[in-house]
Amino acid sequence: MSYATIVAAVDVNAPDLARAAIAGAADVAGSQGVVHLLYVRYYLPTRYSELLDGSFDENEERDALAAMKTWASEAGLAPDRTHFLTRRGRVRDEVLTEAARLKANLVVIGSHQPSLTSRLLGSNASAIIHQSPVSVLVVRTHAPE
């Protein structure tokens, strides 16, 4: 089964999960699907953002986009069917808002394979799964050792 519009939520600070989500999106996109890679950057309270270099926001976004483009290329995503987005806010809210805005029919997220001591998804993954009005594909990776 292929999907026409896919939102793949990635965290550039967790490259193994990001690559897994992108590879999963590439697999289900087939030759016709459009993949929107979305990285949600942490919300910075005003009191913290005032302490950062004025170019912090632009540098963070530039670095995130560069990483996503590299990983998309590695996964074999067609450049003409791949879009790159960053948002700042709560991951759950931004992923679900973007999926609704794009009228996506699938959301893809990466998650570590649960260990014996941890059988829960992360709070963002769990919230997306429970609140998404469209199907969610969870691509598993092995937990880092």
Protein backbone atom coordinates (compact mmCIF):
# COMPACT_ATOMS: atom_id res chain seq x y z
CA MET A 1 0.00 0.00 0.00
CA SER A 2 1.32 3.45 -0.81
CA TYR A 3 0.25 6.79 0.61
CA ALA A 4 -0.15 10.07 -1.26
CA THR A 5 0.84 12.52 1.48
CA ILE A 6 3.09 11.54 4.35
CA VAL A 7 4.36 13.57 7.29
CA ALA A 8 7.49 12.04 8.79
CA ALA A 9 8.31 13.55 12.16
CA VAL A 10 12.06 13.52 12.80
CA ASP A 11 14.31 14.62 15.62
CA VAL A 12 17.70 15.74 14.33
CA ASN A 13 19.07 15.17 17.84
CA ALA A 14 18.26 11.45 17.51
CA PRO A 15 19.76 10.56 14.11
CA ASP A 16 19.02 6.83 14.35
CA LEU A 17 15.33 7.49 14.92
CA ALA A 18 15.25 10.20 12.25
CA ARG A 19 16.86 7.93 9.66
CA ALA A 20 14.47 5.11 10.56
CA ALA A 21 11.42 7.35 10.18
CA ILE A 22 12.67 8.71 6.86
CA ALA A 23 13.43 5.21 5.54
CA GLY A 24 9.97 4.06 6.62
CA ALA A 25 8.36 7.03 4.89
CA ALA A 26 10.36 6.32 1.73
CA ASP A 27 9.19 2.69 1.76
CA VAL A 28 5.49 3.50 2.02
CA ALA A 29 5.60 6.53 -0.30
CA GLY A 30 6.26 4.31 -3.26
CA SER A 31 6.98 6.07 -6.51
CA GLN A 32 4.11 8.56 -6.24
CA GLY A 33 3.81 9.64 -2.60
CA VAL A 34 4.97 13.02 -1.33
CA VAL A 35 6.94 13.06 1.91
CA HIS A 36 7.04 16.07 4.22
CA LEU A 37 9.90 15.79 6.71
CA LEU A 38 9.14 17.78 9.84
CA TYR A 39 11.50 18.65 12.66
CA VAL A 40 9.91 20.39 15.62
CA ARG A 41 12.43 22.54 17.43
CA TYR A 42 12.14 23.05 21.14
CA TYR A 43 10.10 25.99 22.28
CA LEU A 44 12.38 28.59 23.82
CA PRO A 45 10.89 30.71 26.57
CA THR A 46 11.62 34.39 26.06
CA ARG A 47 13.89 34.55 29.09
CA TYR A 48 16.16 31.91 27.50
CA SER A 49 16.02 33.12 23.93
CA GLU A 50 17.25 36.53 25.03
CA LEU A 51 20.46 34.87 26.29
CA LEU A 52 21.25 33.21 22.97
CA ASP A 53 23.22 34.58 20.07
CA GLY A 54 20.99 36.47 17.64
CA SER A 55 21.73 33.95 14.89
CA PHE A 56 20.92 30.89 17.01
CA ASP A 57 17.47 30.37 15.48
CA GLU A 58 18.69 30.65 11.90
CA ASN A 59 21.69 28.38 12.56
CA GLU A 60 19.54 25.76 14.28
CA GLU A 61 17.08 25.71 11.40
CA ARG A 62 19.85 25.63 8.76
CA ASP A 63 21.58 22.70 10.48
CA ALA A 64 18.32 20.78 10.88
CA LEU A 65 17.39 21.24 7.22
CA ALA A 66 20.87 20.15 6.09
CA ALA A 67 20.66 16.97 8.19
CA MET A 68 17.18 16.14 6.90
CA LYS A 69 18.26 16.67 3.27
CA THR A 70 21.24 14.37 3.74
CA TRP A 71 19.12 11.63 5.33
CA ALA A 72 16.40 11.98 2.67
CA SER A 73 19.01 11.54 -0.04
CA GLU A 74 20.45 8.48 1.74
CA ALA A 75 16.95 6.98 1.90
CA GLY A 76 16.45 7.51 -1.83
CA LEU A 77 13.61 10.01 -1.54
CA ALA A 78 13.01 11.85 -4.80
CA PRO A 79 13.90 15.53 -4.40
CA ASP A 80 10.81 16.63 -6.34
CA ARG A 81 8.52 14.70 -3.95
CA THR A 82 10.22 15.63 -0.68
CA HIS A 83 9.60 18.75 1.38
CA PHE A 84 11.47 19.93 4.46
CA LEU A 85 9.81 21.78 7.32
CA THR A 86 10.79 23.02 10.74
CA ARG A 87 8.45 24.37 13.36
CA ARG A 88 8.98 25.56 16.89
CA GLY A 89 6.61 24.35 19.59
CA ARG A 90 5.27 21.19 21.16
CA VAL A 91 6.05 18.14 19.05
CA ARG A 92 2.61 16.57 19.32
CA ASP A 93 0.79 19.78 18.45
CA GLU A 94 3.01 20.71 15.53
CA VAL A 95 2.99 17.23 13.97
CA LEU A 96 -0.79 16.94 14.18
CA THR A 97 -1.32 20.50 12.93
CA GLU A 98 1.00 19.95 9.97
CA ALA A 99 -0.65 16.63 9.11
CA ALA A 100 -4.06 18.32 9.12
CA ARG A 101 -2.82 21.32 7.11
CA LEU A 102 -1.32 19.05 4.44
CA LYS A 103 -4.29 16.66 4.50
CA ALA A 104 -1.78 13.87 5.10
CA ASN A 105 -3.01 10.31 5.09
CA LEU A 106 -0.08 8.93 7.12
CA VAL A 107 2.22 10.11 9.89
CA VAL A 108 5.54 8.31 10.37
CA ILE A 109 7.58 8.40 13.58
CA GLY A 110 10.65 6.55 14.80
CA SER A 111 10.81 4.82 18.16
CA HIS A 112 13.37 2.61 19.88
CA GLN A 113 12.57 -1.06 20.31
CA PRO A 114 11.29 -1.33 23.87
CA SER A 115 13.60 -3.03 26.32
CA LEU A 116 12.50 -5.37 29.07
CA THR A 117 12.48 -2.46 31.49
CA SER A 118 10.64 -0.04 29.22
CA ARG A 119 7.46 -1.04 27.44
CA LEU A 120 6.17 2.48 26.82
CA LEU A 121 6.51 4.76 23.84
CA GLY A 122 7.88 8.20 24.44
CA SER A 123 5.29 10.77 25.43
CA ASN A 124 5.37 12.51 22.03
CA ALA A 125 5.02 9.27 20.09
CA SER A 126 2.23 8.10 22.35
CA ALA A 127 0.35 11.40 22.07
CA ILE A 128 0.65 11.43 18.28
CA ILE A 129 -0.60 7.85 18.02
CA HIS A 130 -3.56 8.46 20.32
CA GLN A 131 -4.60 11.83 18.88
CA SER A 132 -3.88 11.47 15.16
CA PRO A 133 -6.95 11.33 12.94
CA VAL A 134 -4.91 9.41 10.33
CA SER A 135 -2.83 6.24 10.48
CA VAL A 136 0.53 6.38 12.23
CA LEU A 137 3.46 4.17 11.30
CA VAL A 138 5.92 3.58 14.13
CA VAL A 139 9.28 2.51 12.74
CA ARG A 140 11.31 0.65 15.36
CA THR A 141 15.06 0.78 15.91
CA HIS A 142 17.17 -0.96 18.50
CA ALA A 143 17.83 1.09 21.61
CA PRO A 144 21.35 2.48 21.75
CA GLU A 145 23.64 0.55 24.07
